[in-house]
Amino acid sequence: MSEWDHLFLDDDHVLHEPDIFVIHFARLLQQQGLLTVLDWGCGAGRHVVYLARDGFEVTGMDRSPTAIKIAENWLKDEGLKAVLQIAEPDSIPAVLESYDAVISLFAIEHGTPEEIIRTLTEIHRVLVPGGFLMVTLSSGEDSMKISSEALDLGMYAPTSGPEQGIPHYLTSREDLDVFFNSYEMLELAHICSRLSVLNGEDRIDAHWEVIARKRQIEG
């Protein structure tokens, strides 16, 4: 069983309510008349279910067979339809220009900068020209590094909790310019929130929220 499967055996890690950022993004897509959406790193399917309820044609992909199975059962219970697949981020099983939009919440950060770039290149490949991308990435202001093992420059693995041992890259503002150089950045926000007390210090959740558009070829 993979480390990703272990995550979804813990009910506390199975989220049910959609992220407010996804709700905002869905409204943007509806205003543009866009329909086909890929949720890369869909986990147990909270956003696949939300978007399917909202009338989108949704595909959910995740590394974890356990997560995909939970999502399948959830869709069945709700009488909803979506395509679900087990996949790796740098090899998305979809043909060129398959989707109007892609969302990925805290999923592509589990790799080196080079791996993140490869994933964003794959997402670029499967987006239609002018297609939209919504991504969240943990930032260097996050307190995760206080209770994590430093693996490499900018990379940390928590030493306890449900994501123990799973690498996270903490993205800087400068990284974003490199990661999204083939996209047009439409919205960028750095979100910081105080969660709890950790080792006598405030626990800060800090992340980037990005909405970007695949650049259209001029000609």
N, C-alpha and C. Protein backbone atom coordinates (compact mmCIF):
# COMPACT_ATOMS: atom_id res chain seq x y z
N MET A 1 0.85 -1.19 0.00
CA MET A 1 0.00 0.00 0.00
C MET A 1 0.88 1.24 0.00
N SER A 2 0.56 2.22 -0.84
CA SER A 2 1.38 3.41 -0.97
C SER A 2 1.13 4.38 0.17
N GLU A 3 2.03 5.36 0.31
CA GLU A 3 1.86 6.40 1.31
C GLU A 3 0.59 7.20 1.07
N TRP A 4 0.20 7.31 -0.19
CA TRP A 4 -1.02 8.06 -0.51
C TRP A 4 -2.25 7.30 -0.07
N ASP A 5 -2.25 5.97 -0.19
CA ASP A 5 -3.39 5.18 0.26
C ASP A 5 -3.58 5.31 1.76
N HIS A 6 -2.48 5.31 2.51
CA HIS A 6 -2.58 5.44 3.96
C HIS A 6 -3.27 6.74 4.36
N LEU A 7 -3.03 7.80 3.62
CA LEU A 7 -3.67 9.08 3.92
C LEU A 7 -5.19 8.95 3.95
N PHE A 8 -5.73 8.25 2.98
CA PHE A 8 -7.18 8.21 2.81
C PHE A 8 -7.86 7.10 3.60
N LEU A 9 -7.07 6.33 4.34
CA LEU A 9 -7.64 5.40 5.30
C LEU A 9 -8.01 6.11 6.61
N ASP A 10 -7.51 7.34 6.75
CA ASP A 10 -7.80 8.18 7.92
C ASP A 10 -8.98 9.08 7.58
N ASP A 11 -10.12 8.86 8.25
CA ASP A 11 -11.32 9.63 7.94
C ASP A 11 -11.11 11.13 8.11
N ASP A 12 -10.21 11.52 9.02
CA ASP A 12 -9.97 12.94 9.25
C ASP A 12 -9.33 13.61 8.03
N HIS A 13 -8.73 12.80 7.15
CA HIS A 13 -8.08 13.36 5.96
C HIS A 13 -9.02 13.39 4.76
N VAL A 14 -10.22 12.84 4.93
CA VAL A 14 -11.20 12.83 3.84
C VAL A 14 -12.11 14.04 4.02
N LEU A 15 -11.86 15.07 3.22
CA LEU A 15 -12.61 16.32 3.33
C LEU A 15 -13.89 16.24 2.50
N HIS A 16 -14.93 16.95 2.95
CA HIS A 16 -16.23 16.85 2.29
C HIS A 16 -16.73 18.16 1.69
N GLU A 17 -16.34 19.28 2.26
CA GLU A 17 -16.83 20.57 1.77
C GLU A 17 -15.86 21.16 0.75
N PRO A 18 -16.37 21.79 -0.31
CA PRO A 18 -15.47 22.38 -1.31
C PRO A 18 -14.72 23.58 -0.75
N ASP A 19 -13.50 23.77 -1.21
CA ASP A 19 -12.71 24.93 -0.86
C ASP A 19 -13.36 26.18 -1.47
N ILE A 20 -13.36 27.27 -0.74
CA ILE A 20 -13.99 28.50 -1.24
C ILE A 20 -13.33 29.00 -2.52
N PHE A 21 -12.04 28.71 -2.69
CA PHE A 21 -11.33 29.11 -3.90
C PHE A 21 -11.86 28.36 -5.12
N VAL A 22 -12.23 27.09 -4.93
CA VAL A 22 -12.82 26.30 -6.02
C VAL A 22 -14.21 26.84 -6.38
N ILE A 23 -14.97 27.24 -5.37
CA ILE A 23 -16.29 27.83 -5.63
C ILE A 23 -16.14 29.09 -6.48
N HIS A 24 -15.18 29.92 -6.11
CA HIS A 24 -14.90 31.14 -6.89
C HIS A 24 -14.50 30.79 -8.32
N PHE A 25 -13.64 29.80 -8.48
CA PHE A 25 -13.16 29.41 -9.80
C PHE A 25 -14.30 28.85 -10.65
N ALA A 26 -15.18 28.07 -10.03
CA ALA A 26 -16.31 27.50 -10.76
C ALA A 26 -17.21 28.61 -11.32
N ARG A 27 -17.40 29.69 -10.54
CA ARG A 27 -18.21 30.81 -11.03
C ARG A 27 -17.55 31.46 -12.24
N LEU A 28 -16.22 31.58 -12.18
CA LEU A 28 -15.47 32.14 -13.31
C LEU A 28 -15.66 31.29 -14.56
N LEU A 29 -15.57 29.97 -14.41
CA LEU A 29 -15.74 29.07 -15.56
C LEU A 29 -17.15 29.18 -16.14
N GLN A 30 -18.14 29.26 -15.26
CA GLN A 30 -19.52 29.37 -15.74
C GLN A 30 -19.73 30.67 -16.51
N GLN A 31 -19.12 31.74 -16.03
CA GLN A 31 -19.23 33.02 -16.74
C GLN A 31 -18.61 32.94 -18.14
N GLN A 32 -17.59 32.10 -18.28
CA GLN A 32 -16.91 31.92 -19.57
C GLN A 32 -17.57 30.85 -20.44
N GLY A 33 -18.57 30.17 -19.89
CA GLY A 33 -19.25 29.10 -20.63
C GLY A 33 -18.40 27.87 -20.81
N LEU A 34 -17.49 27.61 -19.88
CA LEU A 34 -16.59 26.46 -19.97
C LEU A 34 -17.16 25.27 -19.22
N LEU A 35 -16.86 24.06 -19.70
CA LEU A 35 -17.59 22.89 -19.22
C LEU A 35 -16.71 21.75 -18.72
N THR A 36 -15.58 21.48 -19.40
CA THR A 36 -14.79 20.29 -19.07
C THR A 36 -13.66 20.66 -18.11
N VAL A 37 -13.62 19.94 -16.98
CA VAL A 37 -12.66 20.25 -15.92
C VAL A 37 -11.94 18.99 -15.47
N LEU A 38 -10.63 19.10 -15.33
CA LEU A 38 -9.81 18.05 -14.73
C LEU A 38 -9.41 18.48 -13.33
N ASP A 39 -9.65 17.62 -12.35
CA ASP A 39 -9.16 17.82 -10.99
C ASP A 39 -7.98 16.89 -10.80
N TRP A 40 -6.76 17.47 -10.92
CA TRP A 40 -5.57 16.65 -10.72
C TRP A 40 -5.23 16.62 -9.22
N GLY A 41 -5.09 15.39 -8.68
CA GLY A 41 -4.90 15.23 -7.25
C GLY A 41 -6.22 15.37 -6.53
N CYS A 42 -7.24 14.70 -7.08
CA CYS A 42 -8.62 14.90 -6.61
C CYS A 42 -8.88 14.31 -5.23
N GLY A 43 -7.96 13.46 -4.74
CA GLY A 43 -8.17 12.86 -3.43
C GLY A 43 -9.47 12.07 -3.40
N ALA A 44 -10.21 12.23 -2.30
CA ALA A 44 -11.45 11.46 -2.11
C ALA A 44 -12.62 12.05 -2.88
N GLY A 45 -12.40 13.13 -3.62
CA GLY A 45 -13.39 13.58 -4.59
C GLY A 45 -14.29 14.73 -4.21
N ARG A 46 -13.91 15.52 -3.18
CA ARG A 46 -14.84 16.58 -2.76
C ARG A 46 -15.10 17.59 -3.88
N HIS A 47 -14.09 17.90 -4.69
CA HIS A 47 -14.31 18.89 -5.75
C HIS A 47 -14.87 18.24 -7.02
N VAL A 48 -14.57 16.97 -7.23
CA VAL A 48 -15.21 16.25 -8.33
C VAL A 48 -16.73 16.23 -8.11
N VAL A 49 -17.13 15.90 -6.89
CA VAL A 49 -18.55 15.86 -6.56
C VAL A 49 -19.17 17.25 -6.67
N TYR A 50 -18.50 18.25 -6.11
CA TYR A 50 -19.04 19.62 -6.16
C TYR A 50 -19.23 20.09 -7.60
N LEU A 51 -18.22 19.88 -8.44
CA LEU A 51 -18.30 20.35 -9.82
C LEU A 51 -19.33 19.56 -10.63
N ALA A 52 -19.42 18.25 -10.37
CA ALA A 52 -20.43 17.44 -11.06
C ALA A 52 -21.84 17.89 -10.68
N ARG A 53 -22.04 18.21 -9.41
CA ARG A 53 -23.34 18.75 -8.98
C ARG A 53 -23.66 20.04 -9.71
N ASP A 54 -22.63 20.81 -10.01
CA ASP A 54 -22.79 22.14 -10.63
C ASP A 54 -22.92 22.05 -12.15
N GLY A 55 -22.92 20.83 -12.70
CA GLY A 55 -23.17 20.67 -14.12
C GLY A 55 -21.94 20.58 -15.00
N PHE A 56 -20.75 20.54 -14.41
CA PHE A 56 -19.53 20.41 -15.20
C PHE A 56 -19.29 18.95 -15.60
N GLU A 57 -18.57 18.77 -16.70
CA GLU A 57 -18.09 17.44 -17.10
C GLU A 57 -16.71 17.28 -16.47
N VAL A 58 -16.62 16.44 -15.45
CA VAL A 58 -15.45 16.40 -14.58
C VAL A 58 -14.68 15.09 -14.74
N THR A 59 -13.36 15.23 -14.75
CA THR A 59 -12.46 14.09 -14.63
C THR A 59 -11.62 14.30 -13.37
N GLY A 60 -11.55 13.27 -12.54
CA GLY A 60 -10.71 13.33 -11.34
C GLY A 60 -9.58 12.33 -11.47
N MET A 61 -8.36 12.76 -11.18
CA MET A 61 -7.20 11.88 -11.22
C MET A 61 -6.42 12.00 -9.92
N ASP A 62 -5.91 10.85 -9.46
CA ASP A 62 -5.13 10.83 -8.23
C ASP A 62 -4.20 9.63 -8.27
N ARG A 63 -3.10 9.72 -7.49
CA ARG A 63 -2.16 8.61 -7.38
C ARG A 63 -2.72 7.45 -6.56
N SER A 64 -3.67 7.74 -5.69
CA SER A 64 -4.12 6.76 -4.70
C SER A 64 -5.34 5.97 -5.16
N PRO A 65 -5.22 4.65 -5.34
CA PRO A 65 -6.39 3.83 -5.65
C PRO A 65 -7.46 3.91 -4.56
N THR A 66 -7.03 4.04 -3.31
CA THR A 66 -7.99 4.15 -2.21
C THR A 66 -8.82 5.41 -2.34
N ALA A 67 -8.16 6.54 -2.65
CA ALA A 67 -8.88 7.80 -2.83
C ALA A 67 -9.87 7.71 -3.98
N ILE A 68 -9.44 7.12 -5.07
CA ILE A 68 -10.32 6.99 -6.24
C ILE A 68 -11.54 6.13 -5.91
N LYS A 69 -11.34 5.08 -5.14
CA LYS A 69 -12.46 4.22 -4.75
C LYS A 69 -13.46 4.97 -3.88
N ILE A 70 -12.95 5.78 -2.93
CA ILE A 70 -13.84 6.59 -2.10
C ILE A 70 -14.65 7.55 -2.98
N ALA A 71 -13.97 8.19 -3.93
CA ALA A 71 -14.64 9.13 -4.83
C ALA A 71 -15.71 8.42 -5.67
N GLU A 72 -15.39 7.22 -6.16
CA GLU A 72 -16.37 6.44 -6.94
C GLU A 72 -17.64 6.19 -6.12
N ASN A 73 -17.45 5.76 -4.88
CA ASN A 73 -18.60 5.46 -4.02
C ASN A 73 -19.41 6.71 -3.72
N TRP A 74 -18.72 7.83 -3.51
CA TRP A 74 -19.41 9.10 -3.23
C TRP A 74 -20.27 9.52 -4.42
N LEU A 75 -19.69 9.45 -5.61
CA LEU A 75 -20.46 9.80 -6.81
C LEU A 75 -21.68 8.89 -6.97
N LYS A 76 -21.48 7.60 -6.72
CA LYS A 76 -22.59 6.65 -6.83
C LYS A 76 -23.69 6.98 -5.84
N ASP A 77 -23.30 7.30 -4.60
CA ASP A 77 -24.29 7.62 -3.57
C ASP A 77 -25.10 8.87 -3.93
N GLU A 78 -24.46 9.80 -4.64
CA GLU A 78 -25.13 11.06 -5.00
C GLU A 78 -25.82 10.98 -6.36
N GLY A 79 -25.65 9.86 -7.06
CA GLY A 79 -26.25 9.74 -8.38
C GLY A 79 -25.62 10.65 -9.41
N LEU A 80 -24.31 10.88 -9.26
CA LEU A 80 -23.58 11.77 -10.15
C LEU A 80 -22.62 10.99 -11.03
N LYS A 81 -22.20 11.61 -12.14
CA LYS A 81 -21.27 10.96 -13.05
C LYS A 81 -20.02 11.81 -13.22
N ALA A 82 -18.88 11.12 -13.23
CA ALA A 82 -17.60 11.75 -13.53
C ALA A 82 -16.64 10.64 -13.93
N VAL A 83 -15.57 11.01 -14.60
CA VAL A 83 -14.53 10.06 -14.97
C VAL A 83 -13.46 10.10 -13.88
N LEU A 84 -13.06 8.93 -13.37
CA LEU A 84 -12.04 8.84 -12.34
C LEU A 84 -10.92 7.93 -12.80
N GLN A 85 -9.68 8.35 -12.60
CA GLN A 85 -8.53 7.58 -13.06
C GLN A 85 -7.39 7.67 -12.06
N ILE A 86 -6.64 6.58 -11.95
CA ILE A 86 -5.39 6.58 -11.21
C ILE A 86 -4.30 7.04 -12.16
N ALA A 87 -3.52 8.04 -11.75
CA ALA A 87 -2.52 8.59 -12.67
C ALA A 87 -1.42 9.28 -11.90
N GLU A 88 -0.28 9.45 -12.58
CA GLU A 88 0.84 10.21 -12.05
C GLU A 88 0.82 11.61 -12.66
N PRO A 89 1.32 12.61 -11.91
CA PRO A 89 1.18 14.00 -12.38
C PRO A 89 1.96 14.34 -13.63
N ASP A 90 3.08 13.64 -13.86
CA ASP A 90 3.88 13.99 -15.04
C ASP A 90 3.52 13.14 -16.25
N SER A 91 2.40 12.40 -16.15
CA SER A 91 1.95 11.57 -17.27
C SER A 91 0.42 11.48 -17.25
N ILE A 92 -0.22 12.58 -17.57
CA ILE A 92 -1.68 12.65 -17.51
C ILE A 92 -2.27 11.88 -18.69
N PRO A 93 -3.11 10.87 -18.42
CA PRO A 93 -3.66 10.05 -19.51
C PRO A 93 -4.80 10.76 -20.24
N ALA A 94 -4.44 11.76 -21.02
CA ALA A 94 -5.42 12.52 -21.79
C ALA A 94 -4.75 13.04 -23.04
N VAL A 95 -5.54 13.18 -24.10
CA VAL A 95 -4.98 13.66 -25.36
C VAL A 95 -4.79 15.17 -25.31
N LEU A 96 -4.09 15.68 -26.29
CA LEU A 96 -3.81 17.11 -26.41
C LEU A 96 -5.10 17.92 -26.35
N GLU A 97 -5.09 18.97 -25.53
CA GLU A 97 -6.17 19.96 -25.48
C GLU A 97 -7.52 19.32 -25.15
N SER A 98 -7.55 18.55 -24.05
CA SER A 98 -8.75 17.83 -23.65
C SER A 98 -9.68 18.62 -22.74
N TYR A 99 -9.14 19.60 -22.01
CA TYR A 99 -9.93 20.24 -20.95
C TYR A 99 -9.97 21.75 -21.08
N ASP A 100 -11.13 22.31 -20.71
CA ASP A 100 -11.28 23.76 -20.64
C ASP A 100 -10.55 24.32 -19.43
N ALA A 101 -10.46 23.52 -18.37
CA ALA A 101 -9.87 24.00 -17.12
C ALA A 101 -9.30 22.83 -16.33
N VAL A 102 -8.31 23.15 -15.50
CA VAL A 102 -7.70 22.19 -14.59
C VAL A 102 -7.61 22.83 -13.21
N ILE A 103 -7.96 22.05 -12.17
CA ILE A 103 -7.74 22.49 -10.81
C ILE A 103 -6.79 21.51 -10.13
N SER A 104 -6.01 22.02 -9.18
CA SER A 104 -5.10 21.16 -8.43
C SER A 104 -4.79 21.83 -7.10
N LEU A 105 -5.34 21.29 -6.02
CA LEU A 105 -5.17 21.87 -4.70
C LEU A 105 -4.13 21.08 -3.91
N PHE A 106 -3.02 21.73 -3.60
CA PHE A 106 -1.97 21.15 -2.76
C PHE A 106 -1.56 19.76 -3.23
N ALA A 107 -1.51 19.58 -4.53
CA ALA A 107 -1.17 18.26 -5.09
C ALA A 107 0.15 18.26 -5.83
N ILE A 108 0.44 19.32 -6.58
CA ILE A 108 1.65 19.30 -7.40
C ILE A 108 2.89 19.69 -6.60
N GLU A 109 2.71 20.08 -5.34
CA GLU A 109 3.85 20.51 -4.52
C GLU A 109 4.67 19.36 -3.97
N HIS A 110 4.22 18.12 -4.18
CA HIS A 110 4.92 16.97 -3.60
C HIS A 110 6.03 16.49 -4.52
N GLY A 111 6.92 17.39 -4.87
CA GLY A 111 8.02 17.04 -5.75
C GLY A 111 9.03 18.17 -5.80
N THR A 112 10.11 17.93 -6.48
CA THR A 112 11.13 18.96 -6.66
C THR A 112 10.62 20.04 -7.61
N PRO A 113 11.28 21.19 -7.66
CA PRO A 113 10.88 22.20 -8.65
C PRO A 113 10.84 21.66 -10.07
N GLU A 114 11.79 20.80 -10.41
CA GLU A 114 11.81 20.21 -11.76
C GLU A 114 10.58 19.35 -11.99
N GLU A 115 10.16 18.61 -10.98
CA GLU A 115 8.97 17.77 -11.11
C GLU A 115 7.71 18.62 -11.19
N ILE A 116 7.66 19.71 -10.44
CA ILE A 116 6.52 20.61 -10.51
C ILE A 116 6.41 21.21 -11.92
N ILE A 117 7.54 21.60 -12.49
CA ILE A 117 7.53 22.15 -13.85
C ILE A 117 7.05 21.10 -14.85
N ARG A 118 7.48 19.85 -14.69
CA ARG A 118 7.02 18.79 -15.60
C ARG A 118 5.51 18.60 -15.49
N THR A 119 4.99 18.66 -14.27
CA THR A 119 3.54 18.51 -14.09
C THR A 119 2.79 19.66 -14.74
N LEU A 120 3.28 20.89 -14.54
CA LEU A 120 2.62 22.04 -15.15
C LEU A 120 2.73 22.02 -16.67
N THR A 121 3.79 21.42 -17.18
CA THR A 121 3.93 21.25 -18.63
C THR A 121 2.89 20.25 -19.15
N GLU A 122 2.67 19.18 -18.40
CA GLU A 122 1.63 18.21 -18.77
C GLU A 122 0.24 18.85 -18.72
N ILE A 123 -0.02 19.63 -17.68
CA ILE A 123 -1.30 20.32 -17.59
C ILE A 123 -1.48 21.27 -18.77
N HIS A 124 -0.41 21.96 -19.12
CA HIS A 124 -0.45 22.87 -20.28
C HIS A 124 -0.82 22.09 -21.54
N ARG A 125 -0.28 20.90 -21.68
CA ARG A 125 -0.55 20.08 -22.87
C ARG A 125 -2.03 19.72 -22.98
N VAL A 126 -2.68 19.40 -21.85
CA VAL A 126 -4.06 18.91 -21.91
C VAL A 126 -5.09 20.03 -21.85
N LEU A 127 -4.64 21.27 -21.61
CA LEU A 127 -5.56 22.41 -21.64
C LEU A 127 -5.79 22.88 -23.06
N VAL A 128 -7.02 23.31 -23.35
CA VAL A 128 -7.29 23.95 -24.63
C VAL A 128 -6.57 25.29 -24.66
N PRO A 129 -6.28 25.84 -25.85
CA PRO A 129 -5.72 27.20 -25.91
C PRO A 129 -6.63 28.19 -25.19
N GLY A 130 -6.04 28.97 -24.29
CA GLY A 130 -6.83 29.89 -23.50
C GLY A 130 -7.51 29.26 -22.31
N GLY A 131 -7.24 27.95 -22.07
CA GLY A 131 -7.85 27.26 -20.94
C GLY A 131 -7.32 27.77 -19.61
N PHE A 132 -8.09 27.52 -18.57
CA PHE A 132 -7.81 28.07 -17.25
C PHE A 132 -7.22 27.02 -16.31
N LEU A 133 -6.33 27.48 -15.44
CA LEU A 133 -5.69 26.63 -14.44
C LEU A 133 -5.82 27.29 -13.07
N MET A 134 -6.24 26.50 -12.08
CA MET A 134 -6.31 26.96 -10.70
C MET A 134 -5.47 26.04 -9.84
N VAL A 135 -4.50 26.61 -9.12
CA VAL A 135 -3.55 25.82 -8.34
C VAL A 135 -3.37 26.45 -6.97
N THR A 136 -3.21 25.62 -5.94
CA THR A 136 -2.74 26.09 -4.65
C THR A 136 -1.43 25.38 -4.33
N LEU A 137 -0.50 26.14 -3.74
CA LEU A 137 0.83 25.64 -3.40
C LEU A 137 1.24 26.19 -2.04
N SER A 138 1.74 25.34 -1.16
CA SER A 138 2.25 25.82 0.13
C SER A 138 3.43 26.76 -0.10
N SER A 139 3.52 27.81 0.72
CA SER A 139 4.58 28.80 0.54
C SER A 139 5.64 28.67 1.62
N GLY A 140 6.73 29.40 1.43
CA GLY A 140 7.83 29.35 2.36
C GLY A 140 7.52 29.95 3.71
N GLU A 141 6.38 30.63 3.85
CA GLU A 141 5.98 31.20 5.14
C GLU A 141 5.25 30.17 6.01
N ASP A 142 4.97 28.99 5.45
CA ASP A 142 4.23 27.97 6.20
C ASP A 142 5.07 27.41 7.34
N SER A 143 4.42 27.15 8.47
CA SER A 143 5.12 26.64 9.65
C SER A 143 5.46 25.16 9.54
N MET A 144 5.09 24.53 8.45
CA MET A 144 5.38 23.11 8.27
C MET A 144 6.84 22.79 8.57
N LYS A 145 7.73 23.68 8.18
CA LYS A 145 9.15 23.37 8.31
C LYS A 145 9.61 23.29 9.76
N ILE A 146 8.80 23.84 10.70
CA ILE A 146 9.17 23.76 12.11
C ILE A 146 9.17 22.31 12.60
N SER A 147 8.21 21.53 12.11
CA SER A 147 8.08 20.14 12.57
C SER A 147 8.39 19.15 11.45
N SER A 148 9.28 19.55 10.53
CA SER A 148 9.59 18.71 9.38
C SER A 148 11.09 18.49 9.25
N GLU A 149 11.41 17.45 8.53
CA GLU A 149 12.80 17.18 8.17
C GLU A 149 13.11 17.90 6.86
N ALA A 150 14.20 18.67 6.85
CA ALA A 150 14.61 19.35 5.62
C ALA A 150 15.25 18.33 4.69
N LEU A 151 14.71 18.18 3.49
CA LEU A 151 15.20 17.20 2.53
C LEU A 151 16.17 17.81 1.54
N ASP A 152 15.87 19.02 1.11
CA ASP A 152 16.66 19.72 0.12
C ASP A 152 16.24 21.18 0.20
N LEU A 153 16.85 22.03 -0.57
CA LEU A 153 16.51 23.44 -0.54
C LEU A 153 15.03 23.63 -0.87
N GLY A 154 14.27 24.11 0.11
CA GLY A 154 12.85 24.36 -0.10
C GLY A 154 11.96 23.16 0.08
N MET A 155 12.53 21.97 0.34
CA MET A 155 11.73 20.75 0.47
C MET A 155 11.76 20.24 1.90
N TYR A 156 10.56 19.86 2.39
CA TYR A 156 10.40 19.41 3.76
C TYR A 156 9.46 18.21 3.80
N ALA A 157 9.70 17.32 4.77
CA ALA A 157 8.80 16.19 5.01
C ALA A 157 8.38 16.21 6.47
N PRO A 158 7.09 16.32 6.77
CA PRO A 158 6.64 16.31 8.16
C PRO A 158 7.13 15.05 8.89
N THR A 159 7.47 15.22 10.16
CA THR A 159 7.96 14.10 10.96
C THR A 159 6.85 13.45 11.78
N SER A 160 5.64 13.99 11.69
CA SER A 160 4.50 13.39 12.38
C SER A 160 3.23 13.79 11.64
N GLY A 161 2.12 13.20 12.03
CA GLY A 161 0.84 13.52 11.42
C GLY A 161 0.55 12.67 10.19
N PRO A 162 -0.60 12.88 9.55
CA PRO A 162 -1.03 12.03 8.44
C PRO A 162 -0.12 12.10 7.22
N GLU A 163 0.61 13.22 7.05
CA GLU A 163 1.50 13.35 5.89
C GLU A 163 2.96 13.14 6.27
N GLN A 164 3.18 12.40 7.35
CA GLN A 164 4.54 12.09 7.80
C GLN A 164 5.35 11.45 6.68
N GLY A 165 6.53 12.01 6.43
CA GLY A 165 7.43 11.44 5.43
C GLY A 165 7.14 11.84 4.00
N ILE A 166 6.02 12.52 3.75
CA ILE A 166 5.68 12.93 2.38
C ILE A 166 6.33 14.28 2.07
N PRO A 167 7.12 14.37 1.02
CA PRO A 167 7.81 15.63 0.72
C PRO A 167 6.87 16.72 0.24
N HIS A 168 7.18 17.94 0.65
CA HIS A 168 6.45 19.13 0.21
C HIS A 168 7.48 20.17 -0.22
N TYR A 169 7.25 20.77 -1.36
CA TYR A 169 8.10 21.90 -1.76
C TYR A 169 7.38 23.18 -1.37
N LEU A 170 8.06 24.05 -0.62
CA LEU A 170 7.48 25.32 -0.19
C LEU A 170 7.88 26.40 -1.19
N THR A 171 6.90 26.86 -1.92
CA THR A 171 7.12 27.70 -3.10
C THR A 171 7.32 29.17 -2.73
N SER A 172 8.30 29.80 -3.36
CA SER A 172 8.56 31.23 -3.18
C SER A 172 7.87 32.01 -4.29
N ARG A 173 7.80 33.33 -4.10
CA ARG A 173 7.23 34.18 -5.16
C ARG A 173 8.06 34.07 -6.43
N GLU A 174 9.36 33.97 -6.30
CA GLU A 174 10.24 33.84 -7.47
C GLU A 174 9.99 32.53 -8.21
N ASP A 175 9.70 31.47 -7.45
CA ASP A 175 9.39 30.18 -8.07
C ASP A 175 8.19 30.30 -9.00
N LEU A 176 7.20 31.05 -8.57
CA LEU A 176 5.97 31.15 -9.35
C LEU A 176 6.23 31.67 -10.76
N ASP A 177 7.13 32.63 -10.88
CA ASP A 177 7.46 33.17 -12.21
C ASP A 177 8.06 32.11 -13.11
N VAL A 178 8.83 31.20 -12.52
CA VAL A 178 9.43 30.11 -13.28
C VAL A 178 8.38 29.04 -13.60
N PHE A 179 7.61 28.65 -12.60
CA PHE A 179 6.63 27.58 -12.77
C PHE A 179 5.57 27.93 -13.82
N PHE A 180 5.15 29.20 -13.85
CA PHE A 180 4.01 29.58 -14.69
C PHE A 180 4.43 30.44 -15.88
N ASN A 181 5.64 30.23 -16.37
CA ASN A 181 6.13 31.10 -17.45
C ASN A 181 5.44 30.84 -18.79
N SER A 182 4.72 29.73 -18.92
CA SER A 182 3.97 29.49 -20.17
C SER A 182 2.48 29.79 -20.00
N TYR A 183 2.16 30.44 -18.89
CA TYR A 183 0.78 30.82 -18.60
C TYR A 183 0.70 32.33 -18.40
N GLU A 184 -0.50 32.87 -18.57
CA GLU A 184 -0.77 34.25 -18.20
C GLU A 184 -1.39 34.24 -16.81
N MET A 185 -0.73 34.89 -15.86
CA MET A 185 -1.23 34.93 -14.49
C MET A 185 -2.40 35.90 -14.41
N LEU A 186 -3.56 35.41 -13.96
CA LEU A 186 -4.76 36.24 -13.86
C LEU A 186 -5.03 36.69 -12.44
N GLU A 187 -4.86 35.78 -11.49
CA GLU A 187 -5.07 36.10 -10.08
C GLU A 187 -3.98 35.44 -9.26
N LEU A 188 -3.46 36.17 -8.28
CA LEU A 188 -2.44 35.62 -7.39
C LEU A 188 -2.67 36.18 -6.00
N ALA A 189 -2.79 35.28 -5.03
CA ALA A 189 -2.96 35.71 -3.64
C ALA A 189 -2.08 34.85 -2.74
N HIS A 190 -1.52 35.48 -1.72
CA HIS A 190 -0.76 34.76 -0.70
C HIS A 190 -1.61 34.77 0.57
N ILE A 191 -2.05 33.59 0.99
CA ILE A 191 -2.99 33.45 2.10
C ILE A 191 -2.24 32.93 3.32
N CYS A 192 -2.34 33.66 4.42
CA CYS A 192 -1.73 33.22 5.68
C CYS A 192 -2.81 33.19 6.76
N SER A 193 -2.88 32.10 7.49
CA SER A 193 -3.85 32.01 8.58
C SER A 193 -3.24 31.30 9.77
N ARG A 194 -3.58 31.76 10.96
CA ARG A 194 -3.07 31.17 12.20
C ARG A 194 -3.99 30.02 12.60
N LEU A 195 -3.42 28.83 12.77
CA LEU A 195 -4.23 27.65 13.03
C LEU A 195 -4.21 27.21 14.48
N SER A 196 -3.02 27.13 15.09
CA SER A 196 -2.92 26.57 16.42
C SER A 196 -1.55 26.92 16.98
N VAL A 197 -1.18 26.30 18.07
CA VAL A 197 0.13 26.51 18.66
C VAL A 197 0.97 25.27 18.44
N LEU A 198 2.18 25.44 17.95
CA LEU A 198 3.07 24.33 17.65
C LEU A 198 4.44 24.63 18.22
N ASN A 199 4.92 23.77 19.13
CA ASN A 199 6.24 23.96 19.74
C ASN A 199 6.40 25.35 20.35
N GLY A 200 5.29 25.84 20.93
CA GLY A 200 5.33 27.14 21.58
C GLY A 200 5.23 28.32 20.64
N GLU A 201 5.08 28.06 19.35
CA GLU A 201 4.98 29.13 18.37
C GLU A 201 3.65 29.02 17.62
N ASP A 202 3.23 30.14 17.04
CA ASP A 202 2.00 30.11 16.24
C ASP A 202 2.18 29.19 15.04
N ARG A 203 1.16 28.39 14.79
CA ARG A 203 1.16 27.53 13.60
C ARG A 203 0.54 28.33 12.46
N ILE A 204 1.31 28.61 11.45
CA ILE A 204 0.84 29.41 10.32
C ILE A 204 0.67 28.52 9.09
N ASP A 205 -0.54 28.54 8.55
CA ASP A 205 -0.78 27.93 7.23
C ASP A 205 -0.61 29.03 6.20
N ALA A 206 0.33 28.85 5.30
CA ALA A 206 0.60 29.87 4.28
C ALA A 206 0.67 29.21 2.91
N HIS A 207 -0.08 29.74 1.97
CA HIS A 207 -0.08 29.16 0.64
C HIS A 207 -0.41 30.19 -0.42
N TRP A 208 -0.05 29.84 -1.65
CA TRP A 208 -0.37 30.65 -2.82
C TRP A 208 -1.65 30.13 -3.47
N GLU A 209 -2.49 31.04 -3.91
CA GLU A 209 -3.65 30.71 -4.73
C GLU A 209 -3.44 31.35 -6.09
N VAL A 210 -3.43 30.53 -7.13
CA VAL A 210 -3.10 31.00 -8.48
C VAL A 210 -4.22 30.65 -9.44
N ILE A 211 -4.66 31.62 -10.22
CA ILE A 211 -5.49 31.36 -11.39
C ILE A 211 -4.72 31.88 -12.59
N ALA A 212 -4.52 31.01 -13.57
CA ALA A 212 -3.73 31.37 -14.75
C ALA A 212 -4.45 30.86 -16.00
N ARG A 213 -3.99 31.35 -17.13
CA ARG A 213 -4.58 30.94 -18.41
C ARG A 213 -3.46 30.51 -19.34
N LYS A 214 -3.71 29.41 -20.05
CA LYS A 214 -2.78 28.95 -21.06
C LYS A 214 -2.69 29.99 -22.17
N ARG A 215 -1.48 30.40 -22.46
CA ARG A 215 -1.31 31.42 -23.51
C ARG A 215 -1.77 30.89 -24.86
N GLN A 216 -2.49 31.71 -25.57
CA GLN A 216 -2.94 31.34 -26.91
C GLN A 216 -1.86 31.71 -27.94
N ILE A 217 -1.70 30.85 -28.92
CA ILE A 217 -0.72 31.10 -29.97
C ILE A 217 -1.23 32.19 -30.89
N GLU A 218 -0.45 33.23 -31.05
CA GLU A 218 -0.86 34.32 -31.93
C GLU A 218 -0.50 34.00 -33.37
N GLY A 219 -1.32 34.41 -34.25
CA GLY A 219 -1.01 34.15 -35.63
C GLY A 219 -2.20 34.42 -36.54
